[in-house]
Amino acid sequence: MTTMTTTDTTPRVWIGCLACYNAGRLVGDWHDAIGAADVTTADVHGRPSSHDELWCFDIENIPVRREMSPSEAAEWGRVFDEIDEHQRAALYAWVASGDYVAEGTGDLPSTSDFEDRYCGHWESFDDYASSYADDTGLLTGIPEEIQRHFDWKSWTAELAYDYTTCDADSGVYVFRSY
């Protein structure tokens, strides 16, 4: 397994005043997603305001491409906060792949399923398969003369059907697909 450098993966949203937006003015600011539900119109305007509806018009480090409410943004923030910083890029990739398990009826990924399915960051799926074979003792007890004839390429290709791989900055993220 390889290690990778981490970049800032904090989910953020640009929260703006919906009334101002509808009037043709952009009034808002960037906030960490986890606290988005607590942002008020006074926070956005810098003073008390009679406007009462806020909306997240832009997002960063959230693996969906659409606007959302501040409360939904806070839920995305909560999900990413449950995952260790060094695994957030993998969670993002898992959701972006479309082959992830969602909580309930929305888009939010199940962090327990992520933790159960995530097999790590590898240089390639072949590297993962080789490590898996060693860890499980795939050829333990089989004479070396016979091991030399084992078709690794076919075995690895068949094993890949039970996994999802997602490109990483270097290498791949590997996930079990139950």
Protein backbone atom coordinates (compact mmCIF):
# COMPACT_ATOMS: atom_id res chain seq x y z
CA MET A 1 0.00 0.00 0.00
CA THR A 2 1.28 3.50 -0.75
CA THR A 3 1.02 6.68 1.22
CA MET A 4 -0.05 9.91 -0.36
CA THR A 5 0.20 13.57 0.41
CA THR A 6 -2.96 15.17 1.66
CA THR A 7 -4.50 18.32 0.32
CA ASP A 8 -7.22 20.40 1.89
CA THR A 9 -10.37 18.32 1.57
CA THR A 10 -12.63 20.39 3.80
CA PRO A 11 -16.11 20.57 2.24
CA ARG A 12 -17.07 24.22 1.71
CA VAL A 13 -20.06 26.00 0.25
CA TRP A 14 -20.70 29.50 -1.02
CA ILE A 15 -23.83 30.55 0.83
CA GLY A 16 -25.75 33.43 -0.63
CA CYS A 17 -28.92 35.35 0.02
CA LEU A 18 -31.62 33.99 -2.28
CA ALA A 19 -33.60 37.27 -2.34
CA CYS A 20 -30.48 39.21 -3.36
CA TYR A 21 -29.62 36.60 -5.98
CA ASN A 22 -33.12 36.82 -7.47
CA ALA A 23 -32.68 40.61 -7.58
CA GLY A 24 -29.45 40.20 -9.57
CA ARG A 25 -26.95 40.74 -6.72
CA LEU A 26 -24.47 38.22 -5.37
CA VAL A 27 -24.37 38.59 -1.61
CA GLY A 28 -22.68 35.76 0.25
CA ASP A 29 -19.45 34.13 1.30
CA TRP A 30 -17.66 30.79 1.62
CA HIS A 31 -18.27 28.68 4.74
CA ASP A 32 -17.21 25.23 5.91
CA ALA A 33 -20.07 22.91 5.00
CA ILE A 34 -20.33 21.38 8.47
CA GLY A 35 -21.46 24.73 9.89
CA ALA A 36 -23.61 25.80 6.93
CA ALA A 37 -26.92 25.19 8.71
CA ASP A 38 -25.90 27.71 11.38
CA VAL A 39 -25.17 30.56 8.94
CA THR A 40 -27.75 33.34 9.17
CA THR A 41 -28.79 36.08 6.78
CA ALA A 42 -27.08 38.53 9.14
CA ASP A 43 -23.83 36.56 8.68
CA VAL A 44 -24.19 36.75 4.90
CA HIS A 45 -25.14 40.44 4.81
CA GLY A 46 -22.79 41.51 7.60
CA ARG A 47 -25.74 43.11 9.40
CA PRO A 48 -29.34 42.23 10.30
CA SER A 49 -31.50 41.70 7.23
CA SER A 50 -35.17 41.22 6.44
CA HIS A 51 -34.22 38.53 3.92
CA ASP A 52 -34.82 35.08 5.28
CA GLU A 53 -33.69 32.45 2.76
CA LEU A 54 -30.16 31.27 2.10
CA TRP A 55 -28.92 28.90 -0.56
CA CYS A 56 -25.60 27.21 -1.41
CA PHE A 57 -24.81 28.33 -4.95
CA ASP A 58 -21.34 26.80 -5.23
CA ILE A 59 -19.58 23.88 -3.55
CA GLU A 60 -16.03 22.71 -3.00
CA ASN A 61 -14.88 19.21 -1.96
CA ILE A 62 -18.38 17.74 -2.11
CA PRO A 63 -18.78 15.06 -4.81
CA VAL A 64 -22.07 16.28 -6.28
CA ARG A 65 -22.42 19.03 -8.86
CA ARG A 66 -25.51 20.97 -7.93
CA GLU A 67 -26.80 23.67 -5.65
CA MET A 68 -28.18 22.68 -2.27
CA SER A 69 -29.67 24.01 0.94
CA PRO A 70 -27.38 24.95 3.83
CA SER A 71 -28.83 22.07 5.89
CA GLU A 72 -27.94 19.55 3.17
CA ALA A 73 -24.46 21.07 2.94
CA ALA A 74 -24.10 20.60 6.71
CA GLU A 75 -25.00 16.92 6.28
CA TRP A 76 -22.26 16.55 3.64
CA GLY A 77 -19.90 18.27 6.07
CA ARG A 78 -20.90 15.83 8.81
CA VAL A 79 -20.23 12.83 6.55
CA PHE A 80 -16.74 14.04 5.64
CA ASP A 81 -16.03 14.95 9.26
CA GLU A 82 -16.68 11.30 10.22
CA ILE A 83 -13.83 10.17 7.96
CA ASP A 84 -10.14 10.62 8.74
CA GLU A 85 -8.59 13.46 6.73
CA HIS A 86 -6.27 11.09 4.84
CA GLN A 87 -9.28 9.05 3.61
CA ARG A 88 -11.47 11.93 2.42
CA ALA A 89 -10.12 11.88 -1.14
CA ALA A 90 -10.98 8.17 -1.29
CA LEU A 91 -14.52 8.83 -0.03
CA TYR A 92 -14.90 11.59 -2.62
CA ALA A 93 -13.72 9.21 -5.38
CA TRP A 94 -16.05 6.44 -4.15
CA VAL A 95 -19.08 8.73 -4.34
CA ALA A 96 -18.00 10.21 -7.69
CA SER A 97 -17.70 6.66 -9.10
CA GLY A 98 -21.44 6.15 -8.61
CA ASP A 99 -20.74 2.70 -7.12
CA TYR A 100 -21.29 3.69 -3.52
CA VAL A 101 -23.86 2.99 -0.82
CA ALA A 102 -26.03 5.95 0.15
CA GLU A 103 -27.64 6.58 3.53
CA GLY A 104 -31.42 6.56 3.34
CA THR A 105 -32.93 8.01 0.17
CA GLY A 106 -30.47 10.84 -0.59
CA ASP A 107 -27.00 11.17 -2.06
CA LEU A 108 -25.11 11.04 1.25
CA PRO A 109 -22.69 8.13 1.41
CA SER A 110 -22.80 5.63 4.24
CA THR A 111 -19.54 6.07 6.14
CA SER A 112 -19.82 2.63 7.73
CA ASP A 113 -20.10 1.04 4.28
CA PHE A 114 -17.19 3.15 3.07
CA GLU A 115 -15.02 1.95 5.96
CA ASP A 116 -16.08 -1.66 5.34
CA ARG A 117 -15.41 -1.54 1.58
CA TYR A 118 -12.32 0.65 1.35
CA CYS A 119 -9.24 -1.49 0.71
CA GLY A 120 -6.74 1.33 0.46
CA HIS A 121 -4.68 3.33 -2.01
CA TRP A 122 -2.47 1.21 -4.27
CA GLU A 123 -0.11 1.77 -7.19
CA SER A 124 -2.38 -0.51 -9.24
CA PHE A 125 -5.10 -3.11 -8.79
CA ASP A 126 -2.45 -5.76 -9.56
CA ASP A 127 -0.50 -4.59 -6.49
CA TYR A 128 -3.64 -4.91 -4.37
CA ALA A 129 -4.34 -8.39 -5.78
CA SER A 130 -0.79 -9.54 -5.03
CA SER A 131 -1.03 -8.30 -1.45
CA TYR A 132 -4.48 -9.90 -1.09
CA ALA A 133 -3.09 -13.23 -2.33
CA ASP A 134 -0.26 -13.03 0.22
CA ASP A 135 -2.56 -11.97 3.07
CA THR A 136 -5.04 -14.78 2.43
CA GLY A 137 -2.39 -17.44 1.79
CA LEU A 138 -3.78 -18.14 -1.67
CA LEU A 139 -0.92 -20.43 -2.67
CA THR A 140 0.15 -21.57 0.80
CA GLY A 141 0.99 -25.26 0.86
CA ILE A 142 1.21 -25.52 -2.92
CA PRO A 143 4.62 -26.64 -4.18
CA GLU A 144 6.73 -23.93 -5.83
CA GLU A 145 6.92 -25.88 -9.10
CA ILE A 146 3.13 -25.66 -9.38
CA GLN A 147 2.94 -22.04 -8.14
CA ARG A 148 5.08 -20.97 -11.12
CA HIS A 149 2.27 -22.10 -13.43
CA PHE A 150 -0.46 -20.17 -11.62
CA ASP A 151 -2.15 -17.76 -14.07
CA TRP A 152 -1.88 -14.48 -12.11
CA LYS A 153 -3.22 -12.38 -14.95
CA SER A 154 -6.46 -14.37 -15.25
CA TRP A 155 -6.88 -14.65 -11.48
CA THR A 156 -6.40 -10.89 -11.03
CA ALA A 157 -8.81 -10.11 -13.88
CA GLU A 158 -11.47 -12.33 -12.31
CA LEU A 159 -10.85 -10.86 -8.85
CA ALA A 160 -11.37 -7.36 -10.28
CA TYR A 161 -15.05 -8.14 -10.89
CA ASP A 162 -15.59 -8.03 -7.12
CA TYR A 163 -14.02 -4.57 -6.73
CA THR A 164 -14.35 -0.98 -7.86
CA THR A 165 -11.23 1.00 -8.58
CA CYS A 166 -11.08 4.78 -8.80
CA ASP A 167 -8.16 6.78 -10.12
CA ALA A 168 -6.16 8.67 -7.53
CA ASP A 169 -3.50 11.35 -7.98
CA SER A 170 -1.05 8.47 -8.17
CA GLY A 171 -2.36 4.94 -8.35
CA VAL A 172 -5.88 3.81 -7.55
CA TYR A 173 -8.32 3.53 -4.67
CA VAL A 174 -9.73 0.02 -4.28
CA PHE A 175 -13.20 -0.78 -2.90
CA ARG A 176 -14.99 -4.09 -2.40
CA SER A 177 -18.24 -4.30 -4.39
CA TYR A 178 -20.59 -6.62 -2.47
